[in-house]
């Protein structure tokens, strides 16, 4: 019997982020978000629509996983990731 797809507890919030990414450009913040969501959903047994849209973003932005991770490592190393959240605004939820 096939296993039923799971619903990720952050799927509703993440759907909004993915929709925003699909409408936007590959800015540094967008690349960091794509990498974070890719790590969250890669291999997750569910959230198929989100996974498909993440794959679409890789295609639209001409990225591979290796290229994305290289770019985001550079962004993080330079201290530019989530800079807009450092002044007491929203904190990231990595669950």
C-alpha atoms as a PDB file:
ATOM      1  CA  UNK A   1       0.000   0.000   0.000  1.00  0.00           C
ATOM      2  CA  UNK A   2       1.493   3.393  -0.988  1.00  0.00           C
ATOM      3  CA  UNK A   3       2.378   5.782   1.804  1.00  0.00           C
ATOM      4  CA  UNK A   4       0.170   8.849   2.012  1.00  0.00           C
ATOM      5  CA  UNK A   5       1.869  12.206   1.427  1.00  0.00           C
ATOM      6  CA  UNK A   6       2.657  14.155   4.561  1.00  0.00           C
ATOM      7  CA  UNK A   7       1.745  17.780   5.126  1.00  0.00           C
ATOM      8  CA  UNK A   8       4.704  19.866   6.241  1.00  0.00           C
ATOM      9  CA  UNK A   9       3.840  22.049   9.265  1.00  0.00           C
ATOM     10  CA  UNK A  10       5.303  25.120   7.508  1.00  0.00           C
ATOM     11  CA  UNK A  11       3.669  24.436   4.124  1.00  0.00           C
ATOM     12  CA  UNK A  12       1.158  27.307   4.254  1.00  0.00           C
ATOM     13  CA  UNK A  13       3.788  29.888   5.168  1.00  0.00           C
ATOM     14  CA  UNK A  14       6.256  28.414   2.665  1.00  0.00           C
ATOM     15  CA  UNK A  15       3.641  28.467  -0.116  1.00  0.00           C
ATOM     16  CA  UNK A  16       3.451  32.255   0.228  1.00  0.00           C
ATOM     17  CA  UNK A  17       7.241  32.530   0.025  1.00  0.00           C
ATOM     18  CA  UNK A  18       7.397  30.270  -3.048  1.00  0.00           C
ATOM     19  CA  UNK A  19       4.659  32.288  -4.747  1.00  0.00           C
ATOM     20  CA  UNK A  20       6.638  35.460  -4.060  1.00  0.00           C
ATOM     21  CA  UNK A  21       9.823  33.880  -5.443  1.00  0.00           C
ATOM     22  CA  UNK A  22       8.005  32.820  -8.614  1.00  0.00           C
ATOM     23  CA  UNK A  23       6.994  36.450  -9.237  1.00  0.00           C
ATOM     24  CA  UNK A  24      10.395  37.917  -8.409  1.00  0.00           C
ATOM     25  CA  UNK A  25      13.988  38.040  -9.504  1.00  0.00           C
ATOM     26  CA  UNK A  26      16.908  35.982  -8.166  1.00  0.00           C
ATOM     27  CA  UNK A  27      18.080  38.563  -5.637  1.00  0.00           C
ATOM     28  CA  UNK A  28      20.435  37.527  -2.850  1.00  0.00           C
ATOM     29  CA  UNK A  29      17.509  37.200  -0.442  1.00  0.00           C
ATOM     30  CA  UNK A  30      15.546  35.144  -2.972  1.00  0.00           C
ATOM     31  CA  UNK A  31      18.514  32.802  -3.510  1.00  0.00           C
ATOM     32  CA  UNK A  32      18.881  32.295   0.250  1.00  0.00           C
ATOM     33  CA  UNK A  33      15.164  31.548   0.549  1.00  0.00           C
ATOM     34  CA  UNK A  34      15.290  29.110  -2.377  1.00  0.00           C
ATOM     35  CA  UNK A  35      18.222  27.269  -0.802  1.00  0.00           C
ATOM     36  CA  UNK A  36      16.487  27.099   2.585  1.00  0.00           C
ATOM     37  CA  UNK A  37      13.250  25.793   1.098  1.00  0.00           C
ATOM     38  CA  UNK A  38      15.103  23.359  -1.162  1.00  0.00           C
ATOM     39  CA  UNK A  39      16.826  21.874   1.894  1.00  0.00           C
ATOM     40  CA  UNK A  40      13.507  21.686   3.739  1.00  0.00           C
ATOM     41  CA  UNK A  41      11.524  19.974   0.986  1.00  0.00           C
ATOM     42  CA  UNK A  42      14.131  17.934  -0.899  1.00  0.00           C
ATOM     43  CA  UNK A  43      13.163  14.327  -0.188  1.00  0.00           C
ATOM     44  CA  UNK A  44      10.154  15.325   1.923  1.00  0.00           C
ATOM     45  CA  UNK A  45       7.324  12.800   1.401  1.00  0.00           C
ATOM     46  CA  UNK A  46       4.692  15.370   0.482  1.00  0.00           C
ATOM     47  CA  UNK A  47       4.264  19.027  -0.507  1.00  0.00           C
ATOM     48  CA  UNK A  48       4.576  17.963  -4.147  1.00  0.00           C
ATOM     49  CA  UNK A  49       3.324  21.293  -5.501  1.00  0.00           C
ATOM     50  CA  UNK A  50       5.938  23.238  -3.536  1.00  0.00           C
ATOM     51  CA  UNK A  51       8.650  20.816  -4.673  1.00  0.00           C
ATOM     52  CA  UNK A  52       7.601  21.247  -8.323  1.00  0.00           C
ATOM     53  CA  UNK A  53       7.651  25.042  -8.001  1.00  0.00           C
ATOM     54  CA  UNK A  54      11.115  24.940  -6.418  1.00  0.00           C
ATOM     55  CA  UNK A  55      12.334  22.876  -9.385  1.00  0.00           C
ATOM     56  CA  UNK A  56      10.740  25.440 -11.702  1.00  0.00           C
ATOM     57  CA  UNK A  57      12.654  28.226  -9.935  1.00  0.00           C
ATOM     58  CA  UNK A  58      15.932  26.355 -10.449  1.00  0.00           C
ATOM     59  CA  UNK A  59      15.097  26.149 -14.168  1.00  0.00           C
ATOM     60  CA  UNK A  60      13.884  29.749 -14.521  1.00  0.00           C
ATOM     61  CA  UNK A  61      16.937  31.131 -12.749  1.00  0.00           C
ATOM     62  CA  UNK A  62      19.366  28.801 -14.539  1.00  0.00           C
ATOM     63  CA  UNK A  63      20.648  27.221 -11.334  1.00  0.00           C
ATOM     64  CA  UNK A  64      21.871  23.839 -10.232  1.00  0.00           C
ATOM     65  CA  UNK A  65      21.962  22.831  -6.586  1.00  0.00           C
ATOM     66  CA  UNK A  66      25.765  23.203  -6.541  1.00  0.00           C
ATOM     67  CA  UNK A  67      25.639  26.694  -8.044  1.00  0.00           C
ATOM     68  CA  UNK A  68      22.861  27.792  -5.671  1.00  0.00           C
ATOM     69  CA  UNK A  69      24.714  26.502  -2.630  1.00  0.00           C
ATOM     70  CA  UNK A  70      27.983  28.149  -3.750  1.00  0.00           C
ATOM     71  CA  UNK A  71      26.199  31.494  -4.159  1.00  0.00           C
ATOM     72  CA  UNK A  72      24.393  31.240  -0.826  1.00  0.00           C
ATOM     73  CA  UNK A  73      27.564  30.186   1.028  1.00  0.00           C
ATOM     74  CA  UNK A  74      29.145  33.391  -0.270  1.00  0.00           C
ATOM     75  CA  UNK A  75      26.110  35.448   0.820  1.00  0.00           C
ATOM     76  CA  UNK A  76      26.165  33.891   4.304  1.00  0.00           C
ATOM     77  CA  UNK A  77      29.962  34.261   4.641  1.00  0.00           C
ATOM     78  CA  UNK A  78      29.662  37.968   3.856  1.00  0.00           C
ATOM     79  CA  UNK A  79      26.955  38.363   6.515  1.00  0.00           C
ATOM     80  CA  UNK A  80      24.311  39.463   4.019  1.00  0.00           C
ATOM     81  CA  UNK A  81      21.801  36.655   4.571  1.00  0.00           C
ATOM     82  CA  UNK A  82      18.678  37.717   6.433  1.00  0.00           C
ATOM     83  CA  UNK A  83      20.174  41.144   7.071  1.00  0.00           C
ATOM     84  CA  UNK A  84      16.674  42.600   6.820  1.00  0.00           C
ATOM     85  CA  UNK A  85      15.624  40.487   9.841  1.00  0.00           C
ATOM     86  CA  UNK A  86      18.384  41.425  12.258  1.00  0.00           C
ATOM     87  CA  UNK A  87      16.727  44.381  13.929  1.00  0.00           C
ATOM     88  CA  UNK A  88      14.171  42.517  16.023  1.00  0.00           C
ATOM     89  CA  UNK A  89      11.914  41.691  13.125  1.00  0.00           C
ATOM     90  CA  UNK A  90      10.745  38.201  12.242  1.00  0.00           C
ATOM     91  CA  UNK A  91      13.049  35.298  13.166  1.00  0.00           C
ATOM     92  CA  UNK A  92      13.591  32.377  10.804  1.00  0.00           C
ATOM     93  CA  UNK A  93      11.895  29.080  11.569  1.00  0.00           C
ATOM     94  CA  UNK A  94      14.137  26.233  10.421  1.00  0.00           C
ATOM     95  CA  UNK A  95      11.772  23.429  11.447  1.00  0.00           C
END
